[in-house]
C-alpha atoms as a PDB file:
ATOM      1  CA  MET A   1      21.034 -36.211 113.477  1.00  0.00           C
ATOM      2  CA  VAL A   2      23.776 -37.907 115.520  1.00  0.00           C
ATOM      3  CA  LYS A   3      22.265 -36.522 118.721  1.00  0.00           C
ATOM      4  CA  VAL A   4      18.803 -37.856 117.870  1.00  0.00           C
ATOM      5  CA  ARG A   5      20.232 -41.271 116.991  1.00  0.00           C
ATOM      6  CA  HIS A   6      22.106 -41.349 120.284  1.00  0.00           C
ATOM      7  CA  GLU A   7      18.969 -40.506 122.254  1.00  0.00           C
ATOM      8  CA  ASN A   8      16.921 -43.133 120.423  1.00  0.00           C
ATOM      9  CA  ASN A   9      19.580 -45.846 120.717  1.00  0.00           C
ATOM     10  CA  THR A  10      20.069 -45.127 124.427  1.00  0.00           C
ATOM     11  CA  LYS A  11      16.318 -45.341 124.945  1.00  0.00           C
ATOM     12  CA  TYR A  12      16.373 -48.907 123.612  1.00  0.00           C
ATOM     13  CA  GLY A  13      19.376 -49.960 125.665  1.00  0.00           C
ATOM     14  CA  ILE A  14      22.097 -49.942 123.012  1.00  0.00           C
ATOM     15  CA  SER A  15      25.516 -49.514 124.587  1.00  0.00           C
ATOM     16  CA  ILE A  16      27.820 -46.604 123.831  1.00  0.00           C
ATOM     17  CA  GLU A  17      30.334 -49.032 122.304  1.00  0.00           C
ATOM     18  CA  ASP A  18      27.757 -50.391 119.857  1.00  0.00           C
ATOM     19  CA  GLN A  19      26.522 -46.878 119.061  1.00  0.00           C
ATOM     20  CA  ALA A  20      30.080 -45.906 118.199  1.00  0.00           C
ATOM     21  CA  ARG A  21      30.296 -48.845 115.809  1.00  0.00           C
ATOM     22  CA  PHE A  22      27.009 -47.775 114.195  1.00  0.00           C
ATOM     23  CA  GLU A  23      28.236 -44.203 113.752  1.00  0.00           C
ATOM     24  CA  VAL A  24      31.431 -45.330 112.005  1.00  0.00           C
ATOM     25  CA  SER A  25      29.432 -47.425 109.552  1.00  0.00           C
ATOM     26  CA  ASN A  26      26.966 -44.547 109.006  1.00  0.00           C
ATOM     27  CA  VAL A  27      29.750 -42.099 108.187  1.00  0.00           C
ATOM     28  CA  PHE A  28      31.300 -44.674 105.879  1.00  0.00           C
ATOM     29  CA  GLY A  29      28.012 -45.184 104.041  1.00  0.00           C
ATOM     30  CA  ILE A  30      27.125 -41.505 103.818  1.00  0.00           C
ATOM     31  CA  LEU A  31      30.463 -40.115 102.626  1.00  0.00           C
ATOM     32  CA  VAL A  32      32.780 -42.747 101.214  1.00  0.00           C
ATOM     33  CA  ASN A  33      31.100 -43.034  97.788  1.00  0.00           C
ATOM     34  CA  THR A  34      29.071 -39.827  97.653  1.00  0.00           C
ATOM     35  CA  ALA A  35      32.091 -37.497  97.693  1.00  0.00           C
ATOM     36  CA  PRO A  36      34.039 -39.141  94.832  1.00  0.00           C
ATOM     37  CA  SER A  37      30.811 -39.581  92.825  1.00  0.00           C
ATOM     38  CA  THR A  38      30.186 -35.842  93.129  1.00  0.00           C
ATOM     39  CA  PHE A  39      33.794 -35.052  92.195  1.00  0.00           C
ATOM     40  CA  TRP A  40      33.752 -37.157  89.014  1.00  0.00           C
ATOM     41  CA  THR A  41      30.310 -35.882  87.942  1.00  0.00           C
ATOM     42  CA  ILE A  42      31.493 -32.285  88.275  1.00  0.00           C
ATOM     43  CA  CYS A  43      34.684 -33.074  86.354  1.00  0.00           C
ATOM     44  CA  HIS A  44      32.887 -34.731  83.457  1.00  0.00           C
ATOM     45  CA  ILE A  45      30.304 -31.969  83.125  1.00  0.00           C
ATOM     46  CA  TYR A  46      32.716 -29.034  83.323  1.00  0.00           C
ATOM     47  CA  SER A  47      35.323 -30.675  81.087  1.00  0.00           C
ATOM     48  CA  SER A  48      32.747 -30.879  78.272  1.00  0.00           C
ATOM     49  CA  PRO A  49      31.516 -27.387  77.255  1.00  0.00           C
ATOM     50  CA  LEU A  50      28.582 -28.745  75.211  1.00  0.00           C
ATOM     51  CA  LEU A  51      27.451 -31.024  78.017  1.00  0.00           C
ATOM     52  CA  LEU A  52      27.770 -28.162  80.498  1.00  0.00           C
ATOM     53  CA  GLU A  53      25.630 -25.920  78.285  1.00  0.00           C
ATOM     54  CA  ASP A  54      22.914 -28.550  77.855  1.00  0.00           C
ATOM     55  CA  VAL A  55      22.784 -29.401  81.567  1.00  0.00           C
ATOM     56  CA  ARG A  56      22.486 -25.708  82.406  1.00  0.00           C
ATOM     57  CA  LYS A  57      19.578 -25.341  79.996  1.00  0.00           C
ATOM     58  CA  GLU A  58      17.519 -28.116  81.573  1.00  0.00           C
ATOM     59  CA  LEU A  59      18.316 -26.853  85.078  1.00  0.00           C
ATOM     60  CA  ALA A  60      17.342 -23.287  84.195  1.00  0.00           C
ATOM     61  CA  ASP A  61      13.952 -24.570  83.006  1.00  0.00           C
ATOM     62  CA  ILE A  62      13.023 -25.845  86.460  1.00  0.00           C
ATOM     63  CA  LEU A  63      14.534 -23.011  88.511  1.00  0.00           C
ATOM     64  CA  LEU A  64      11.999 -20.695  90.148  1.00  0.00           C
ATOM     65  CA  THR A  65      13.230 -17.098  90.360  1.00  0.00           C
ATOM     66  CA  GLU A  66      11.267 -14.663  92.533  1.00  0.00           C
ATOM     67  CA  ASP A  67      11.728 -11.131  93.807  1.00  0.00           C
ATOM     68  CA  LYS A  68      10.331 -11.418  97.305  1.00  0.00           C
ATOM     69  CA  PRO A  69       8.359  -8.435  98.641  1.00  0.00           C
ATOM     70  CA  ASP A  70       9.067  -6.671 101.930  1.00  0.00           C
ATOM     71  CA  GLY A  71      12.799  -6.650 101.420  1.00  0.00           C
ATOM     72  CA  GLY A  72      13.095 -10.355 100.789  1.00  0.00           C
ATOM     73  CA  GLY A  73      15.099  -9.731  97.655  1.00  0.00           C
ATOM     74  CA  LEU A  74      15.904 -12.124  94.845  1.00  0.00           C
ATOM     75  CA  VAL A  75      15.411 -15.820  95.655  1.00  0.00           C
ATOM     76  CA  ARG A  76      16.194 -18.717  93.316  1.00  0.00           C
ATOM     77  CA  THR A  77      14.566 -21.997  94.324  1.00  0.00           C
ATOM     78  CA  MET A  78      15.398 -25.480  93.041  1.00  0.00           C
ATOM     79  CA  ASP A  79      12.696 -28.131  93.343  1.00  0.00           C
ATOM     80  CA  ILE A  80      14.396 -31.432  94.237  1.00  0.00           C
ATOM     81  CA  THR A  81      11.492 -33.442  92.821  1.00  0.00           C
ATOM     82  CA  LYS A  82      11.655 -31.703  89.455  1.00  0.00           C
ATOM     83  CA  LEU A  83      15.425 -32.011  89.510  1.00  0.00           C
ATOM     84  CA  LYS A  84      15.090 -35.781  89.526  1.00  0.00           C
ATOM     85  CA  VAL A  85      12.279 -36.140  86.994  1.00  0.00           C
ATOM     86  CA  ALA A  86      12.773 -33.216  84.592  1.00  0.00           C
ATOM     87  CA  CYS A  87      16.560 -33.226  84.166  1.00  0.00           C
ATOM     88  CA  PRO A  88      17.247 -36.481  82.305  1.00  0.00           C
ATOM     89  CA  LEU A  89      20.653 -35.400  81.017  1.00  0.00           C
ATOM     90  CA  LEU A  90      21.969 -34.607  84.488  1.00  0.00           C
ATOM     91  CA  LEU A  91      20.658 -37.942  85.833  1.00  0.00           C
ATOM     92  CA  SER A  92      22.056 -39.828  82.830  1.00  0.00           C
ATOM     93  CA  THR A  93      25.461 -38.189  83.280  1.00  0.00           C
ATOM     94  CA  PHE A  94      25.525 -39.206  86.937  1.00  0.00           C
ATOM     95  CA  GLN A  95      24.590 -42.792  86.062  1.00  0.00           C
ATOM     96  CA  GLU A  96      27.237 -42.922  83.356  1.00  0.00           C
ATOM     97  CA  VAL A  97      29.829 -41.734  85.876  1.00  0.00           C
ATOM     98  CA  LEU A  98      28.822 -44.631  88.104  1.00  0.00           C
ATOM     99  CA  ARG A  99      28.863 -47.089  85.201  1.00  0.00           C
ATOM    100  CA  CYS A 100      32.368 -46.087  84.146  1.00  0.00           C
ATOM    101  CA  LEU A 101      33.930 -45.583  87.566  1.00  0.00           C
ATOM    102  CA  THR A 102      32.263 -48.027  89.961  1.00  0.00           C
ATOM    103  CA  HIS A 103      34.458 -50.884  91.160  1.00  0.00           C
ATOM    104  CA  GLY A 104      32.239 -52.657  93.658  1.00  0.00           C
ATOM    105  CA  VAL A 105      31.964 -56.434  93.782  1.00  0.00           C
ATOM    106  CA  THR A 106      28.739 -58.345  94.409  1.00  0.00           C
ATOM    107  CA  ALA A 107      29.197 -61.697  96.167  1.00  0.00           C
ATOM    108  CA  ARG A 108      26.673 -64.528  96.319  1.00  0.00           C
ATOM    109  CA  CYS A 109      26.671 -67.991  97.867  1.00  0.00           C
ATOM    110  CA  VAL A 110      25.464 -70.807  95.585  1.00  0.00           C
ATOM    111  CA  LEU A 111      22.613 -72.591  97.391  1.00  0.00           C
ATOM    112  CA  GLU A 112      22.399 -75.535  95.008  1.00  0.00           C
ATOM    113  CA  ASP A 113      24.211 -76.877  91.964  1.00  0.00           C
ATOM    114  CA  THR A 114      23.291 -74.567  89.085  1.00  0.00           C
ATOM    115  CA  ILE A 115      24.129 -74.573  85.380  1.00  0.00           C
ATOM    116  CA  LEU A 116      24.291 -71.212  83.618  1.00  0.00           C
ATOM    117  CA  ALA A 117      23.824 -70.904  79.859  1.00  0.00           C
ATOM    118  CA  ASP A 118      24.165 -74.675  79.537  1.00  0.00           C
ATOM    119  CA  ARG A 119      27.909 -74.207  80.001  1.00  0.00           C
ATOM    120  CA  TYR A 120      28.901 -73.158  83.496  1.00  0.00           C
ATOM    121  CA  LEU A 121      28.423 -75.364  86.555  1.00  0.00           C
ATOM    122  CA  LEU A 122      28.164 -73.490  89.832  1.00  0.00           C
ATOM    123  CA  LYS A 123      28.676 -75.946  92.675  1.00  0.00           C
ATOM    124  CA  LYS A 124      26.665 -75.724  95.851  1.00  0.00           C
ATOM    125  CA  ASP A 125      28.367 -73.698  98.645  1.00  0.00           C
ATOM    126  CA  SER A 126      30.657 -71.957  96.141  1.00  0.00           C
ATOM    127  CA  ILE A 127      31.092 -68.175  96.309  1.00  0.00           C
ATOM    128  CA  ILE A 128      30.337 -66.187  93.147  1.00  0.00           C
ATOM    129  CA  GLN A 129      31.848 -62.735  92.727  1.00  0.00           C
ATOM    130  CA  MET A 130      30.522 -60.262  90.152  1.00  0.00           C
ATOM    131  CA  PRO A 131      32.819 -57.222  89.688  1.00  0.00           C
ATOM    132  CA  SER A 132      30.696 -54.313  88.483  1.00  0.00           C
ATOM    133  CA  ALA A 133      33.597 -52.899  86.443  1.00  0.00           C
ATOM    134  CA  VAL A 134      33.660 -56.072  84.332  1.00  0.00           C
ATOM    135  CA  VAL A 135      29.891 -56.049  83.797  1.00  0.00           C
ATOM    136  CA  HIS A 136      29.850 -52.315  83.035  1.00  0.00           C
ATOM    137  CA  SER A 137      32.562 -52.603  80.377  1.00  0.00           C
ATOM    138  CA  ASP A 138      31.133 -55.675  78.635  1.00  0.00           C
ATOM    139  CA  THR A 139      30.490 -54.850  74.972  1.00  0.00           C
ATOM    140  CA  ASP A 140      27.998 -57.722  74.748  1.00  0.00           C
ATOM    141  CA  VAL A 141      25.881 -55.860  77.288  1.00  0.00           C
ATOM    142  CA  TRP A 142      26.554 -52.184  76.558  1.00  0.00           C
ATOM    143  CA  GLY A 143      27.504 -52.294  72.896  1.00  0.00           C
ATOM    144  CA  PRO A 144      30.710 -51.278  71.118  1.00  0.00           C
ATOM    145  CA  SER A 145      30.856 -47.986  73.012  1.00  0.00           C
ATOM    146  CA  ALA A 146      30.982 -49.728  76.407  1.00  0.00           C
ATOM    147  CA  LYS A 147      34.425 -48.355  77.236  1.00  0.00           C
ATOM    148  CA  GLU A 148      33.503 -44.792  76.208  1.00  0.00           C
ATOM    149  CA  PHE A 149      31.909 -42.142  78.402  1.00  0.00           C
ATOM    150  CA  ASP A 150      28.495 -41.283  76.934  1.00  0.00           C
ATOM    151  CA  PRO A 151      26.556 -38.844  79.167  1.00  0.00           C
ATOM    152  CA  ARG A 152      23.332 -39.526  77.244  1.00  0.00           C
ATOM    153  CA  ARG A 153      23.533 -43.308  77.480  1.00  0.00           C
ATOM    154  CA  PHE A 154      20.732 -43.603  80.050  1.00  0.00           C
ATOM    155  CA  MET A 155      18.331 -41.178  78.372  1.00  0.00           C
ATOM    156  CA  LYS A 156      15.161 -42.474  76.769  1.00  0.00           C
ATOM    157  CA  THR A 157      15.915 -40.261  73.759  1.00  0.00           C
ATOM    158  CA  HIS A 158      19.326 -41.852  73.231  1.00  0.00           C
ATOM    159  CA  PRO A 159      19.872 -42.695  69.515  1.00  0.00           C
ATOM    160  CA  LYS A 160      20.293 -46.343  70.478  1.00  0.00           C
ATOM    161  CA  GLY A 161      17.325 -46.445  72.811  1.00  0.00           C
ATOM    162  CA  ASP A 162      15.940 -49.635  71.224  1.00  0.00           C
ATOM    163  CA  GLU A 163      19.171 -51.470  72.020  1.00  0.00           C
ATOM    164  CA  GLN A 164      19.150 -50.184  75.580  1.00  0.00           C
ATOM    165  CA  ALA A 165      15.575 -51.347  76.093  1.00  0.00           C
ATOM    166  CA  LYS A 166      16.774 -54.915  75.485  1.00  0.00           C
ATOM    167  CA  ARG A 167      19.501 -54.688  78.104  1.00  0.00           C
ATOM    168  CA  HIS A 168      19.076 -56.879  81.166  1.00  0.00           C
ATOM    169  CA  PRO A 169      17.765 -54.787  84.073  1.00  0.00           C
ATOM    170  CA  ALA A 170      20.565 -56.070  86.310  1.00  0.00           C
ATOM    171  CA  ALA A 171      23.331 -54.899  83.942  1.00  0.00           C
ATOM    172  CA  PHE A 172      23.765 -51.656  85.881  1.00  0.00           C
ATOM    173  CA  ARG A 173      25.216 -52.652  89.259  1.00  0.00           C
ATOM    174  CA  ALA A 174      26.531 -49.401  90.691  1.00  0.00           C
ATOM    175  CA  PHE A 175      24.212 -49.863  93.677  1.00  0.00           C
ATOM    176  CA  GLY A 176      24.482 -53.629  93.846  1.00  0.00           C
ATOM    177  CA  GLY A 177      21.349 -55.705  93.369  1.00  0.00           C
ATOM    178  CA  GLY A 178      18.902 -58.164  94.838  1.00  0.00           C
ATOM    179  CA  THR A 179      18.437 -58.216  98.604  1.00  0.00           C
ATOM    180  CA  THR A 180      21.598 -56.140  99.033  1.00  0.00           C
ATOM    181  CA  LEU A 181      20.497 -53.389  96.641  1.00  0.00           C
ATOM    182  CA  CYS A 182      21.689 -50.180  98.307  1.00  0.00           C
ATOM    183  CA  PRO A 183      18.785 -48.839 100.406  1.00  0.00           C
ATOM    184  CA  GLY A 184      20.262 -45.332 100.336  1.00  0.00           C
ATOM    185  CA  ARG A 185      20.672 -45.072  96.559  1.00  0.00           C
ATOM    186  CA  HIS A 186      17.922 -42.497  96.087  1.00  0.00           C
ATOM    187  CA  PHE A 187      19.105 -40.394  99.029  1.00  0.00           C
ATOM    188  CA  ALA A 188      22.688 -40.485  97.734  1.00  0.00           C
ATOM    189  CA  THR A 189      21.562 -39.579  94.220  1.00  0.00           C
ATOM    190  CA  THR A 190      19.605 -36.618  95.580  1.00  0.00           C
ATOM    191  CA  GLU A 191      22.705 -35.424  97.448  1.00  0.00           C
ATOM    192  CA  VAL A 192      24.943 -35.621  94.396  1.00  0.00           C
ATOM    193  CA  VAL A 193      22.623 -34.099  91.794  1.00  0.00           C
ATOM    194  CA  ALA A 194      21.590 -31.292  94.165  1.00  0.00           C
ATOM    195  CA  VAL A 195      25.191 -30.241  94.810  1.00  0.00           C
ATOM    196  CA  VAL A 196      26.118 -30.558  91.140  1.00  0.00           C
ATOM    197  CA  ALA A 197      23.032 -28.606  90.017  1.00  0.00           C
ATOM    198  CA  MET A 198      23.793 -25.736  92.379  1.00  0.00           C
ATOM    199  CA  LEU A 199      27.423 -25.553  91.255  1.00  0.00           C
ATOM    200  CA  VAL A 200      26.569 -25.753  87.566  1.00  0.00           C
ATOM    201  CA  LEU A 201      24.102 -22.886  87.744  1.00  0.00           C
ATOM    202  CA  ARG A 202      26.063 -20.586  90.035  1.00  0.00           C
ATOM    203  CA  TYR A 203      29.724 -21.013  89.122  1.00  0.00           C
ATOM    204  CA  GLU A 204      32.258 -21.245  86.341  1.00  0.00           C
ATOM    205  CA  ILE A 205      35.022 -23.766  87.003  1.00  0.00           C
ATOM    206  CA  ALA A 206      38.158 -23.743  84.868  1.00  0.00           C
ATOM    207  CA  PRO A 207      41.290 -25.889  85.264  1.00  0.00           C
ATOM    208  CA  LEU A 208      44.621 -24.184  85.876  1.00  0.00           C
ATOM    209  CA  GLN A 209      46.389 -26.862  83.855  1.00  0.00           C
ATOM    210  CA  VAL A 210      45.275 -28.293  80.505  1.00  0.00           C
ATOM    211  CA  ASP A 211      46.752 -30.597  77.883  1.00  0.00           C
ATOM    212  CA  SER A 212      48.105 -29.542  74.484  1.00  0.00           C
ATOM    213  CA  ASN A 213      44.549 -29.404  73.099  1.00  0.00           C
ATOM    214  CA  GLY A 214      43.284 -27.212  75.909  1.00  0.00           C
ATOM    215  CA  GLU A 215      41.387 -30.116  77.496  1.00  0.00           C
ATOM    216  CA  TRP A 216      41.085 -30.879  81.197  1.00  0.00           C
ATOM    217  CA  LEU A 217      43.726 -33.166  82.660  1.00  0.00           C
ATOM    218  CA  LEU A 218      41.553 -35.573  84.632  1.00  0.00           C
ATOM    219  CA  PRO A 219      43.425 -37.587  87.273  1.00  0.00           C
ATOM    220  CA  LYS A 220      43.381 -41.363  87.451  1.00  0.00           C
ATOM    221  CA  GLN A 221      41.468 -43.205  90.133  1.00  0.00           C
ATOM    222  CA  ASN A 222      43.188 -44.230  93.335  1.00  0.00           C
ATOM    223  CA  THR A 223      43.055 -48.007  92.967  1.00  0.00           C
ATOM    224  CA  SER A 224      44.738 -48.562  96.336  1.00  0.00           C
ATOM    225  CA  ASN A 225      41.558 -47.547  98.142  1.00  0.00           C
ATOM    226  CA  VAL A 226      39.732 -50.831  98.706  1.00  0.00           C
ATOM    227  CA  GLY A 227      37.078 -49.387 101.020  1.00  0.00           C
ATOM    228  CA  THR A 228      35.081 -47.583  98.365  1.00  0.00           C
ATOM    229  CA  SER A 229      32.991 -48.555  95.382  1.00  0.00           C
ATOM    230  CA  VAL A 230      33.576 -45.308  93.496  1.00  0.00           C
ATOM    231  CA  LEU A 231      37.315 -44.757  93.721  1.00  0.00           C
ATOM    232  CA  PRO A 232      38.541 -41.229  94.556  1.00  0.00           C
ATOM    233  CA  PRO A 233      41.093 -39.410  92.379  1.00  0.00           C
ATOM    234  CA  VAL A 234      44.756 -40.182  92.912  1.00  0.00           C
ATOM    235  CA  SER A 235      45.455 -36.427  92.989  1.00  0.00           C
ATOM    236  CA  ASP A 236      43.660 -33.098  93.202  1.00  0.00           C
ATOM    237  CA  ILE A 237      42.825 -30.798  90.299  1.00  0.00           C
ATOM    238  CA  LYS A 238      43.705 -27.143  90.678  1.00  0.00           C
ATOM    239  CA  VAL A 239      40.875 -25.002  89.334  1.00  0.00           C
ATOM    240  CA  ARG A 240      39.657 -21.412  89.297  1.00  0.00           C
ATOM    241  CA  ILE A 241      36.072 -20.941  90.523  1.00  0.00           C
ATOM    242  CA  THR A 242      34.177 -17.732  89.741  1.00  0.00           C
ATOM    243  CA  ARG A 243      30.543 -16.686  89.943  1.00  0.00           C
ATOM    244  CA  ARG A 244      28.674 -16.779  86.640  1.00  0.00           C
ATOM    245  CA  LYS A 245      27.892 -13.404  85.171  1.00  0.00           C
ATOM    246  CA  GLY A 246      24.237 -12.570  85.618  1.00  0.00           C
ATOM    247  CA  TRP A 247      23.869 -15.069  88.446  1.00  0.00           C
ATOM    248  CA  GLU A 248      25.456 -13.025  91.220  1.00  0.00           C
ATOM    249  CA  GLY A 249      23.631 -12.012  94.364  1.00  0.00           C
ATOM    250  CA  GLY A 250      20.334 -13.206  95.726  1.00  0.00           C
ATOM    251  CA  LYS A 251      19.557 -16.211  97.862  1.00  0.00           C
ATOM    252  CA  TRP A 252      19.388 -19.839  96.808  1.00  0.00           C
ATOM    253  CA  ALA A 253      17.094 -22.466  98.267  1.00  0.00           C
ATOM    254  CA  PHE A 254      15.893 -26.029  97.788  1.00  0.00           C
ATOM    255  CA  THR A 255      12.323 -27.211  98.057  1.00  0.00           C
ATOM    256  CA  ARG A 256      10.447 -30.441  97.391  1.00  0.00           C
ATOM    257  CA  SER A 257       7.057 -30.749  95.720  1.00  0.00           C
ATOM    258  CA  GLU A 258       4.595 -33.442  96.731  1.00  0.00           C
ATOM    259  CA  GLU A 259       4.654 -35.161  93.347  1.00  0.00           C
ATOM    260  CA  ALA A 260       6.085 -38.674  93.522  1.00  0.00           C
ATOM    261  CA  ALA A 261       9.642 -38.648  92.208  1.00  0.00           C
ATOM    262  CA  LYS A 262      10.254 -41.891  90.367  1.00  0.00           C
ATOM    263  CA  PHE A 263      13.340 -42.139  88.238  1.00  0.00           C
ATOM    264  CA  ALA A 264      15.518 -44.938  86.945  1.00  0.00           C
ATOM    265  CA  LEU A 265      18.565 -46.051  88.862  1.00  0.00           C
ATOM    266  CA  SER A 266      19.026 -49.189  86.843  1.00  0.00           C
ATOM    267  CA  SER A 267      20.099 -50.005  83.334  1.00  0.00           C
ATOM    268  CA  GLY A 268      17.822 -47.835  81.245  1.00  0.00           C
ATOM    269  CA  TYR A 269      14.406 -48.808  79.949  1.00  0.00           C
ATOM    270  CA  GLY A 270      11.859 -51.538  80.425  1.00  0.00           C
ATOM    271  CA  LYS A 271       9.984 -53.437  77.749  1.00  0.00           C
ATOM    272  CA  ASP A 272       7.378 -50.672  77.619  1.00  0.00           C
ATOM    273  CA  GLY A 273      10.049 -48.088  76.832  1.00  0.00           C
ATOM    274  CA  GLY A 274       9.785 -46.537  80.292  1.00  0.00           C
ATOM    275  CA  PRO A 275      12.538 -46.443  82.918  1.00  0.00           C
ATOM    276  CA  ILE A 276      13.355 -49.697  84.646  1.00  0.00           C
ATOM    277  CA  ARG A 277      12.900 -49.597  88.396  1.00  0.00           C
ATOM    278  CA  SER A 278      13.595 -52.064  91.142  1.00  0.00           C
ATOM    279  CA  ASN A 279      11.790 -55.154  89.965  1.00  0.00           C
ATOM    280  CA  ALA A 280      11.828 -58.906  90.395  1.00  0.00           C
ATOM    281  CA  ALA A 281      14.665 -59.402  87.930  1.00  0.00           C
ATOM    282  CA  VAL A 282      16.858 -56.965  89.832  1.00  0.00           C
ATOM    283  CA  GLU A 283      15.889 -58.396  93.204  1.00  0.00           C
ATOM    284  CA  ARG A 284      16.892 -61.892  92.125  1.00  0.00           C
ATOM    285  CA  LEU A 285      20.440 -60.695  91.442  1.00  0.00           C
END
């Protein structure tokens, strides 16, 4: 991919110095938030046995297992499209990880004097900052459980689905919003859920250290890292990884069906009860 970019950029006269700058920003965008997002999603799923069991059930339902003829052997294939549309619990868990652990800040310039809620005057040329962590922990927006981790919060079948349907579509700001809404959000989501799905189905992961109740000891976030939106852990977790019994051997593969894969990466549901997607309300913010 880097080689192809280099050839294309050189073709259009972009200097090596500018290409180097592009590559640094590309690496930053591709890895800096994806890796910690994957880490925290894995931690939250494996540290909750019931959640782990339920996620495995929905993943097993979309896994295609075949015994290939002519010596091909056992092949297990995961359809990326189905992964994103038929595994609501996995997607909801990932979104809840982002809601609870994202610390990005959206900044906007006020173009004209504006009054919000008949109370707040925003003066022209002022800079408005909207920390996602503050919005994501607001009980007026997310309800009394705003500061709790609820892996089913973004599911249509959530017990409080009616309340979630009323939530403003811009309340979930893990990927920013408006004209700066992250263009790679769907690609990044595919990366994370694909890696997590493969791990969940193939391996058992157990911590080497637990608390007095036998629970995982999850590390705190490294708040000194100002270059990321999803903060990495302040320390590693030592774990034991083993293959799941009955899932040994064979080959694993990913595929993608032609069906359009539309899934919510916003705050839950629209007025029709369906998932909210990028719409005018989101674009305005």
